[in-house]
Amino acid sequence: MEEHVKEEMKKGAEGGRRRYLERLLTTINWLGGSPEFYNYYFKDYSVCKGCGASIFDHYNKQEVGNWFMIKCDKCDTVIKKYFSPKFMS
């Protein structure tokens, strides 16, 4: 995700969009350096409700149109679905 944000910034994002991307990048880097916070915050979401597998160890990412989904790679249950519109240039 960090690479995607950096790519968008290189394309010449300005104003509010640039500030948003800068803050998003700061947050991504902070979460990457704070795994104990991340694991604590998401502890209730850390297992697949379908099969009980750890979603930190067993997951797949899939993009379908403007949707980004995280799925269990053991039973293919959708764990989380995010609306992620593509940036228009």
PDB file of N, CA and C in Angstrom:
ATOM      1  N   MET A   1       0.821  -1.186   0.000  1.00  0.00           N
ATOM      2  CA  MET A   1       0.000   0.000   0.000  1.00  0.00           C
ATOM      3  C   MET A   1       0.871   1.258   0.000  1.00  0.00           C
ATOM      4  N   GLU A   2       1.979   1.197   0.709  1.00  0.00           N
ATOM      5  CA  GLU A   2       2.885   2.344   0.761  1.00  0.00           C
ATOM      6  C   GLU A   2       3.368   2.724  -0.637  1.00  0.00           C
ATOM      7  N   GLU A   3       3.694   1.717  -1.450  1.00  0.00           N
ATOM      8  CA  GLU A   3       4.164   1.980  -2.811  1.00  0.00           C
ATOM      9  C   GLU A   3       3.087   2.657  -3.649  1.00  0.00           C
ATOM     10  N   HIS A   4       1.850   2.229  -3.489  1.00  0.00           N
ATOM     11  CA  HIS A   4       0.736   2.824  -4.235  1.00  0.00           C
ATOM     12  C   HIS A   4       0.571   4.298  -3.872  1.00  0.00           C
ATOM     13  N   VAL A   5       0.658   4.615  -2.589  1.00  0.00           N
ATOM     14  CA  VAL A   5       0.522   6.001  -2.140  1.00  0.00           C
ATOM     15  C   VAL A   5       1.665   6.847  -2.700  1.00  0.00           C
ATOM     16  N   LYS A   6       2.889   6.317  -2.662  1.00  0.00           N
ATOM     17  CA  LYS A   6       4.037   7.051  -3.201  1.00  0.00           C
ATOM     18  C   LYS A   6       3.882   7.291  -4.704  1.00  0.00           C
ATOM     19  N   GLU A   7       3.355   6.305  -5.428  1.00  0.00           N
ATOM     20  CA  GLU A   7       3.108   6.468  -6.862  1.00  0.00           C
ATOM     21  C   GLU A   7       2.129   7.606  -7.123  1.00  0.00           C
ATOM     22  N   GLU A   8       1.066   7.643  -6.335  1.00  0.00           N
ATOM     23  CA  GLU A   8       0.062   8.703  -6.498  1.00  0.00           C
ATOM     24  C   GLU A   8       0.672  10.075  -6.212  1.00  0.00           C
ATOM     25  N   MET A   9       1.559  10.146  -5.235  1.00  0.00           N
ATOM     26  CA  MET A   9       2.203  11.415  -4.911  1.00  0.00           C
ATOM     27  C   MET A   9       3.129  11.866  -6.043  1.00  0.00           C
ATOM     28  N   LYS A  10       3.821  10.907  -6.692  1.00  0.00           N
ATOM     29  CA  LYS A  10       4.726  11.226  -7.794  1.00  0.00           C
ATOM     30  C   LYS A  10       3.972  11.753  -9.012  1.00  0.00           C
ATOM     31  N   LYS A  11       2.705  11.376  -9.130  1.00  0.00           N
ATOM     32  CA  LYS A  11       1.906  11.822 -10.273  1.00  0.00           C
ATOM     33  C   LYS A  11       1.547  13.304 -10.180  1.00  0.00           C
ATOM     34  N   GLY A  12       1.937  13.947  -9.095  1.00  0.00           N
ATOM     35  CA  GLY A  12       1.725  15.380  -8.974  1.00  0.00           C
ATOM     36  C   GLY A  12       0.491  15.774  -8.195  1.00  0.00           C
ATOM     37  N   ALA A  13       0.145  15.006  -7.191  1.00  0.00           N
ATOM     38  CA  ALA A  13      -1.006  15.362  -6.345  1.00  0.00           C
ATOM     39  C   ALA A  13      -0.747  16.704  -5.687  1.00  0.00           C
ATOM     40  N   GLU A  14      -1.777  17.541  -5.634  1.00  0.00           N
ATOM     41  CA  GLU A  14      -1.630  18.877  -5.063  1.00  0.00           C
ATOM     42  C   GLU A  14      -2.741  19.160  -4.063  1.00  0.00           C
ATOM     43  N   GLY A  15      -2.494  20.165  -3.226  1.00  0.00           N
ATOM     44  CA  GLY A  15      -3.512  20.655  -2.308  1.00  0.00           C
ATOM     45  C   GLY A  15      -3.963  19.612  -1.303  1.00  0.00           C
ATOM     46  N   GLY A  16      -5.277  19.528  -1.129  1.00  0.00           N
ATOM     47  CA  GLY A  16      -5.865  18.617  -0.149  1.00  0.00           C
ATOM     48  C   GLY A  16      -5.557  17.170  -0.437  1.00  0.00           C
ATOM     49  N   ARG A  17      -5.511  16.824  -1.709  1.00  0.00           N
ATOM     50  CA  ARG A  17      -5.212  15.434  -2.066  1.00  0.00           C
ATOM     51  C   ARG A  17      -3.792  15.068  -1.636  1.00  0.00           C
ATOM     52  N   ARG A  18      -2.836  15.984  -1.827  1.00  0.00           N
ATOM     53  CA  ARG A  18      -1.455  15.723  -1.419  1.00  0.00           C
ATOM     54  C   ARG A  18      -1.356  15.592   0.102  1.00  0.00           C
ATOM     55  N   ARG A  19      -2.021  16.480   0.830  1.00  0.00           N
ATOM     56  CA  ARG A  19      -1.999  16.397   2.303  1.00  0.00           C
ATOM     57  C   ARG A  19      -2.599  15.068   2.771  1.00  0.00           C
ATOM     58  N   TYR A  20      -3.694  14.647   2.138  1.00  0.00           N
ATOM     59  CA  TYR A  20      -4.312  13.365   2.482  1.00  0.00           C
ATOM     60  C   TYR A  20      -3.317  12.226   2.271  1.00  0.00           C
ATOM     61  N   LEU A  21      -2.649  12.202   1.123  1.00  0.00           N
ATOM     62  CA  LEU A  21      -1.697  11.133   0.824  1.00  0.00           C
ATOM     63  C   LEU A  21      -0.505  11.163   1.775  1.00  0.00           C
ATOM     64  N   GLU A  22      -0.031  12.357   2.142  1.00  0.00           N
ATOM     65  CA  GLU A  22       1.077  12.468   3.098  1.00  0.00           C
ATOM     66  C   GLU A  22       0.687  11.908   4.462  1.00  0.00           C
ATOM     67  N   ARG A  23      -0.511  12.245   4.918  1.00  0.00           N
ATOM     68  CA  ARG A  23      -0.975  11.730   6.224  1.00  0.00           C
ATOM     69  C   ARG A  23      -1.217  10.230   6.170  1.00  0.00           C
ATOM     70  N   LEU A  24      -1.742   9.751   5.057  1.00  0.00           N
ATOM     71  CA  LEU A  24      -1.950   8.314   4.888  1.00  0.00           C
ATOM     72  C   LEU A  24      -0.615   7.580   4.939  1.00  0.00           C
ATOM     73  N   LEU A  25       0.391   8.113   4.268  1.00  0.00           N
ATOM     74  CA  LEU A  25       1.716   7.502   4.273  1.00  0.00           C
ATOM     75  C   LEU A  25       2.318   7.497   5.677  1.00  0.00           C
ATOM     76  N   THR A  26       2.144   8.584   6.411  1.00  0.00           N
ATOM     77  CA  THR A  26       2.629   8.651   7.797  1.00  0.00           C
ATOM     78  C   THR A  26       1.959   7.580   8.650  1.00  0.00           C
ATOM     79  N   THR A  27       0.652   7.418   8.488  1.00  0.00           N
ATOM     80  CA  THR A  27      -0.096   6.413   9.252  1.00  0.00           C
ATOM     81  C   THR A  27       0.356   5.000   8.893  1.00  0.00           C
ATOM     82  N   ILE A  28       0.520   4.722   7.609  1.00  0.00           N
ATOM     83  CA  ILE A  28       0.973   3.397   7.164  1.00  0.00           C
ATOM     84  C   ILE A  28       2.331   3.074   7.771  1.00  0.00           C
ATOM     85  N   ASN A  29       3.248   4.035   7.723  1.00  0.00           N
ATOM     86  CA  ASN A  29       4.587   3.807   8.288  1.00  0.00           C
ATOM     87  C   ASN A  29       4.527   3.596   9.797  1.00  0.00           C
ATOM     88  N   TRP A  30       3.685   4.370  10.491  1.00  0.00           N
ATOM     89  CA  TRP A  30       3.560   4.205  11.943  1.00  0.00           C
ATOM     90  C   TRP A  30       3.007   2.822  12.283  1.00  0.00           C
ATOM     91  N   LEU A  31       1.961   2.396  11.573  1.00  0.00           N
ATOM     92  CA  LEU A  31       1.392   1.064  11.830  1.00  0.00           C
ATOM     93  C   LEU A  31       2.412  -0.036  11.545  1.00  0.00           C
ATOM     94  N   GLY A  32       3.211   0.146  10.500  1.00  0.00           N
ATOM     95  CA  GLY A  32       4.251  -0.835  10.177  1.00  0.00           C
ATOM     96  C   GLY A  32       5.288  -0.965  11.272  1.00  0.00           C
ATOM     97  N   GLY A  33       5.553   0.137  11.985  1.00  0.00           N
ATOM     98  CA  GLY A  33       6.538   0.116  13.060  1.00  0.00           C
ATOM     99  C   GLY A  33       5.951  -0.172  14.422  1.00  0.00           C
ATOM    100  N   SER A  34       4.636  -0.403  14.481  1.00  0.00           N
ATOM    101  CA  SER A  34       3.954  -0.640  15.766  1.00  0.00           C
ATOM    102  C   SER A  34       3.063  -1.884  15.687  1.00  0.00           C
ATOM    103  N   PRO A  35       3.647  -3.052  15.428  1.00  0.00           N
ATOM    104  CA  PRO A  35       2.811  -4.246  15.273  1.00  0.00           C
ATOM    105  C   PRO A  35       2.023  -4.611  16.532  1.00  0.00           C
ATOM    106  N   GLU A  36       2.563  -4.281  17.716  1.00  0.00           N
ATOM    107  CA  GLU A  36       1.839  -4.612  18.947  1.00  0.00           C
ATOM    108  C   GLU A  36       0.535  -3.824  19.040  1.00  0.00           C
ATOM    109  N   PHE A  37       0.528  -2.571  18.606  1.00  0.00           N
ATOM    110  CA  PHE A  37      -0.717  -1.790  18.584  1.00  0.00           C
ATOM    111  C   PHE A  37      -1.678  -2.380  17.568  1.00  0.00           C
ATOM    112  N   TYR A  38      -1.169  -2.657  16.388  1.00  0.00           N
ATOM    113  CA  TYR A  38      -1.998  -3.198  15.309  1.00  0.00           C
ATOM    114  C   TYR A  38      -2.653  -4.507  15.746  1.00  0.00           C
ATOM    115  N   ASN A  39      -1.858  -5.403  16.303  1.00  0.00           N
ATOM    116  CA  ASN A  39      -2.402  -6.703  16.730  1.00  0.00           C
ATOM    117  C   ASN A  39      -3.396  -6.544  17.878  1.00  0.00           C
ATOM    118  N   TYR A  40      -3.164  -5.621  18.806  1.00  0.00           N
ATOM    119  CA  TYR A  40      -4.107  -5.377  19.898  1.00  0.00           C
ATOM    120  C   TYR A  40      -5.406  -4.776  19.362  1.00  0.00           C
ATOM    121  N   TYR A  41      -5.286  -3.774  18.528  1.00  0.00           N
ATOM    122  CA  TYR A  41      -6.462  -3.065  18.016  1.00  0.00           C
ATOM    123  C   TYR A  41      -7.368  -3.994  17.215  1.00  0.00           C
ATOM    124  N   PHE A  42      -6.761  -4.903  16.470  1.00  0.00           N
ATOM    125  CA  PHE A  42      -7.537  -5.795  15.614  1.00  0.00           C
ATOM    126  C   PHE A  42      -7.681  -7.202  16.182  1.00  0.00           C
ATOM    127  N   LYS A  43      -7.466  -7.372  17.495  1.00  0.00           N
ATOM    128  CA  LYS A  43      -7.489  -8.723  18.071  1.00  0.00           C
ATOM    129  C   LYS A  43      -8.828  -9.427  17.878  1.00  0.00           C
ATOM    130  N   ASP A  44      -9.942  -8.682  17.892  1.00  0.00           N
ATOM    131  CA  ASP A  44     -11.244  -9.308  17.693  1.00  0.00           C
ATOM    132  C   ASP A  44     -11.480  -9.710  16.244  1.00  0.00           C
ATOM    133  N   TYR A  45     -10.668  -9.171  15.358  1.00  0.00           N
ATOM    134  CA  TYR A  45     -10.814  -9.470  13.936  1.00  0.00           C
ATOM    135  C   TYR A  45      -9.694 -10.361  13.431  1.00  0.00           C
ATOM    136  N   SER A  46      -8.898 -10.942  14.322  1.00  0.00           N
ATOM    137  CA  SER A  46      -7.703 -11.660  13.903  1.00  0.00           C
ATOM    138  C   SER A  46      -7.924 -13.126  13.561  1.00  0.00           C
ATOM    139  N   VAL A  47      -9.164 -13.599  13.642  1.00  0.00           N
ATOM    140  CA  VAL A  47      -9.448 -14.982  13.248  1.00  0.00           C
ATOM    141  C   VAL A  47     -10.617 -15.003  12.264  1.00  0.00           C
ATOM    142  N   CYS A  48     -10.562 -15.941  11.365  1.00  0.00           N
ATOM    143  CA  CYS A  48     -11.632 -16.126  10.394  1.00  0.00           C
ATOM    144  C   CYS A  48     -12.856 -16.689  11.108  1.00  0.00           C
ATOM    145  N   LYS A  49     -13.993 -16.065  10.890  1.00  0.00           N
ATOM    146  CA  LYS A  49     -15.224 -16.559  11.517  1.00  0.00           C
ATOM    147  C   LYS A  49     -15.694 -17.876  10.894  1.00  0.00           C
ATOM    148  N   GLY A  50     -15.214 -18.180   9.695  1.00  0.00           N
ATOM    149  CA  GLY A  50     -15.602 -19.421   9.025  1.00  0.00           C
ATOM    150  C   GLY A  50     -14.869 -20.643   9.530  1.00  0.00           C
ATOM    151  N   CYS A  51     -13.533 -20.524   9.684  1.00  0.00           N
ATOM    152  CA  CYS A  51     -12.757 -21.711  10.057  1.00  0.00           C
ATOM    153  C   CYS A  51     -11.852 -21.511  11.268  1.00  0.00           C
ATOM    154  N   GLY A  52     -11.745 -20.278  11.779  1.00  0.00           N
ATOM    155  CA  GLY A  52     -10.937 -20.018  12.959  1.00  0.00           C
ATOM    156  C   GLY A  52      -9.455 -19.812  12.695  1.00  0.00           C
ATOM    157  N   ALA A  53      -9.032 -19.781  11.418  1.00  0.00           N
ATOM    158  CA  ALA A  53      -7.622 -19.574  11.086  1.00  0.00           C
ATOM    159  C   ALA A  53      -7.207 -18.138  11.379  1.00  0.00           C
ATOM    160  N   SER A  54      -5.948 -17.943  11.708  1.00  0.00           N
ATOM    161  CA  SER A  54      -5.413 -16.605  11.950  1.00  0.00           C
ATOM    162  C   SER A  54      -5.381 -15.837  10.633  1.00  0.00           C
ATOM    163  N   ILE A  55      -5.995 -14.660  10.615  1.00  0.00           N
ATOM    164  CA  ILE A  55      -5.990 -13.889   9.371  1.00  0.00           C
ATOM    165  C   ILE A  55      -4.651 -13.194   9.138  1.00  0.00           C
ATOM    166  N   PHE A  56      -3.779 -13.164  10.155  1.00  0.00           N
ATOM    167  CA  PHE A  56      -2.451 -12.602   9.944  1.00  0.00           C
ATOM    168  C   PHE A  56      -1.568 -13.595   9.192  1.00  0.00           C
ATOM    169  N   ASP A  57      -1.886 -14.886   9.292  1.00  0.00           N
ATOM    170  CA  ASP A  57      -1.093 -15.916   8.630  1.00  0.00           C
ATOM    171  C   ASP A  57      -1.751 -16.464   7.371  1.00  0.00           C
ATOM    172  N   HIS A  58      -3.075 -16.427   7.317  1.00  0.00           N
ATOM    173  CA  HIS A  58      -3.802 -17.060   6.213  1.00  0.00           C
ATOM    174  C   HIS A  58      -4.805 -16.089   5.598  1.00  0.00           C
ATOM    175  N   TYR A  59      -4.341 -15.316   4.640  1.00  0.00           N
ATOM    176  CA  TYR A  59      -5.253 -14.383   3.980  1.00  0.00           C
ATOM    177  C   TYR A  59      -4.857 -14.183   2.524  1.00  0.00           C
ATOM    178  N   ASN A  60      -5.807 -13.763   1.737  1.00  0.00           N
ATOM    179  CA  ASN A  60      -5.606 -13.373   0.348  1.00  0.00           C
ATOM    180  C   ASN A  60      -6.191 -11.988   0.161  1.00  0.00           C
ATOM    181  N   LYS A  61      -5.612 -11.239  -0.751  1.00  0.00           N
ATOM    182  CA  LYS A  61      -6.158  -9.930  -1.100  1.00  0.00           C
ATOM    183  C   LYS A  61      -6.725 -10.041  -2.510  1.00  0.00           C
ATOM    184  N   GLN A  62      -7.846  -9.379  -2.720  1.00  0.00           N
ATOM    185  CA  GLN A  62      -8.473  -9.417  -4.038  1.00  0.00           C
ATOM    186  C   GLN A  62      -9.120  -8.072  -4.326  1.00  0.00           C
ATOM    187  N   GLU A  63      -8.918  -7.563  -5.535  1.00  0.00           N
ATOM    188  CA  GLU A  63      -9.568  -6.327  -5.950  1.00  0.00           C
ATOM    189  C   GLU A  63     -10.574  -6.662  -7.038  1.00  0.00           C
ATOM    190  N   VAL A  64     -11.797  -6.202  -6.833  1.00  0.00           N
ATOM    191  CA  VAL A  64     -12.857  -6.397  -7.819  1.00  0.00           C
ATOM    192  C   VAL A  64     -13.488  -5.036  -8.058  1.00  0.00           C
ATOM    193  N   GLY A  65     -13.204  -4.448  -9.219  1.00  0.00           N
ATOM    194  CA  GLY A  65     -13.711  -3.110  -9.496  1.00  0.00           C
ATOM    195  C   GLY A  65     -13.182  -2.122  -8.486  1.00  0.00           C
ATOM    196  N   ASN A  66     -14.076  -1.423  -7.807  1.00  0.00           N
ATOM    197  CA  ASN A  66     -13.689  -0.451  -6.774  1.00  0.00           C
ATOM    198  C   ASN A  66     -13.674  -1.060  -5.378  1.00  0.00           C
ATOM    199  N   TRP A  67     -13.725  -2.375  -5.275  1.00  0.00           N
ATOM    200  CA  TRP A  67     -13.744  -3.043  -3.970  1.00  0.00           C
ATOM    201  C   TRP A  67     -12.438  -3.779  -3.738  1.00  0.00           C
ATOM    202  N   PHE A  68     -11.934  -3.660  -2.514  1.00  0.00           N
ATOM    203  CA  PHE A  68     -10.742  -4.365  -2.072  1.00  0.00           C
ATOM    204  C   PHE A  68     -11.190  -5.320  -0.975  1.00  0.00           C
ATOM    205  N   MET A  69     -10.925  -6.619  -1.155  1.00  0.00           N
ATOM    206  CA  MET A  69     -11.390  -7.621  -0.194  1.00  0.00           C
ATOM    207  C   MET A  69     -10.218  -8.384   0.404  1.00  0.00           C
ATOM    208  N   ILE A  70     -10.360  -8.696   1.686  1.00  0.00           N
ATOM    209  CA  ILE A  70      -9.425  -9.571   2.378  1.00  0.00           C
ATOM    210  C   ILE A  70     -10.194 -10.852   2.667  1.00  0.00           C
ATOM    211  N   LYS A  71      -9.638 -11.976   2.188  1.00  0.00           N
ATOM    212  CA  LYS A  71     -10.318 -13.263   2.313  1.00  0.00           C
ATOM    213  C   LYS A  71      -9.416 -14.271   2.999  1.00  0.00           C
ATOM    214  N   CYS A  72     -10.026 -15.219   3.687  1.00  0.00           N
ATOM    215  CA  CYS A  72      -9.293 -16.326   4.307  1.00  0.00           C
ATOM    216  C   CYS A  72      -8.785 -17.241   3.191  1.00  0.00           C
ATOM    217  N   ASP A  73      -7.499 -17.605   3.213  1.00  0.00           N
ATOM    218  CA  ASP A  73      -6.982 -18.469   2.159  1.00  0.00           C
ATOM    219  C   ASP A  73      -7.227 -19.958   2.438  1.00  0.00           C
ATOM    220  N   LYS A  74      -7.811 -20.249   3.591  1.00  0.00           N
ATOM    221  CA  LYS A  74      -8.144 -21.648   3.889  1.00  0.00           C
ATOM    222  C   LYS A  74      -9.565 -21.999   3.453  1.00  0.00           C
ATOM    223  N   CYS A  75     -10.530 -21.104   3.753  1.00  0.00           N
ATOM    224  CA  CYS A  75     -11.936 -21.436   3.445  1.00  0.00           C
ATOM    225  C   CYS A  75     -12.585 -20.424   2.495  1.00  0.00           C
ATOM    226  N   ASP A  76     -11.835 -19.400   2.056  1.00  0.00           N
ATOM    227  CA  ASP A  76     -12.295 -18.401   1.083  1.00  0.00           C
ATOM    228  C   ASP A  76     -13.413 -17.493   1.611  1.00  0.00           C
ATOM    229  N   THR A  77     -13.561 -17.406   2.934  1.00  0.00           N
ATOM    230  CA  THR A  77     -14.548 -16.502   3.532  1.00  0.00           C
ATOM    231  C   THR A  77     -14.061 -15.066   3.406  1.00  0.00           C
ATOM    232  N   VAL A  78     -14.945 -14.145   3.023  1.00  0.00           N
ATOM    233  CA  VAL A  78     -14.586 -12.723   2.977  1.00  0.00           C
ATOM    234  C   VAL A  78     -14.518 -12.219   4.414  1.00  0.00           C
ATOM    235  N   ILE A  79     -13.343 -11.734   4.811  1.00  0.00           N
ATOM    236  CA  ILE A  79     -13.129 -11.248   6.168  1.00  0.00           C
ATOM    237  C   ILE A  79     -13.483  -9.775   6.257  1.00  0.00           C
ATOM    238  N   LYS A  80     -13.062  -9.011   5.281  1.00  0.00           N
ATOM    239  CA  LYS A  80     -13.340  -7.579   5.276  1.00  0.00           C
ATOM    240  C   LYS A  80     -13.417  -7.111   3.833  1.00  0.00           C
ATOM    241  N   LYS A  81     -14.315  -6.163   3.587  1.00  0.00           N
ATOM    242  CA  LYS A  81     -14.513  -5.627   2.249  1.00  0.00           C
ATOM    243  C   LYS A  81     -14.487  -4.105   2.358  1.00  0.00           C
ATOM    244  N   TYR A  82     -13.647  -3.469   1.550  1.00  0.00           N
ATOM    245  CA  TYR A  82     -13.489  -2.015   1.587  1.00  0.00           C
ATOM    246  C   TYR A  82     -13.821  -1.423   0.235  1.00  0.00           C
ATOM    247  N   PHE A  83     -14.505  -0.291   0.239  1.00  0.00           N
ATOM    248  CA  PHE A  83     -14.732   0.455  -0.997  1.00  0.00           C
ATOM    249  C   PHE A  83     -13.492   1.294  -1.211  1.00  0.00           C
ATOM    250  N   SER A  84     -12.836   1.090  -2.334  1.00  0.00           N
ATOM    251  CA  SER A  84     -11.571   1.753  -2.611  1.00  0.00           C
ATOM    252  C   SER A  84     -11.596   2.315  -4.036  1.00  0.00           C
ATOM    253  N   PRO A  85     -12.228   3.483  -4.196  1.00  0.00           N
ATOM    254  CA  PRO A  85     -12.341   4.021  -5.556  1.00  0.00           C
ATOM    255  C   PRO A  85     -10.980   4.340  -6.144  1.00  0.00           C
ATOM    256  N   LYS A  86     -10.853   4.099  -7.436  1.00  0.00           N
ATOM    257  CA  LYS A  86      -9.618   4.398  -8.140  1.00  0.00           C
ATOM    258  C   LYS A  86      -9.481   5.905  -8.272  1.00  0.00           C
ATOM    259  N   PHE A  87      -8.252   6.402  -8.108  1.00  0.00           N
ATOM    260  CA  PHE A  87      -8.005   7.827  -8.286  1.00  0.00           C
ATOM    261  C   PHE A  87      -8.138   8.177  -9.755  1.00  0.00           C
ATOM    262  N   MET A  88      -8.806   9.265 -10.041  1.00  0.00           N
ATOM    263  CA  MET A  88      -8.943   9.726 -11.410  1.00  0.00           C
ATOM    264  C   MET A  88      -7.852  10.754 -11.686  1.00  0.00           C
ATOM    265  N   SER A  89      -7.209  10.659 -12.825  1.00  0.00           N
ATOM    266  CA  SER A  89      -6.146  11.614 -13.165  1.00  0.00           C
ATOM    267  C   SER A  89      -6.666  12.645 -14.127  1.00  0.00           C
TER     268      SER A  89
END
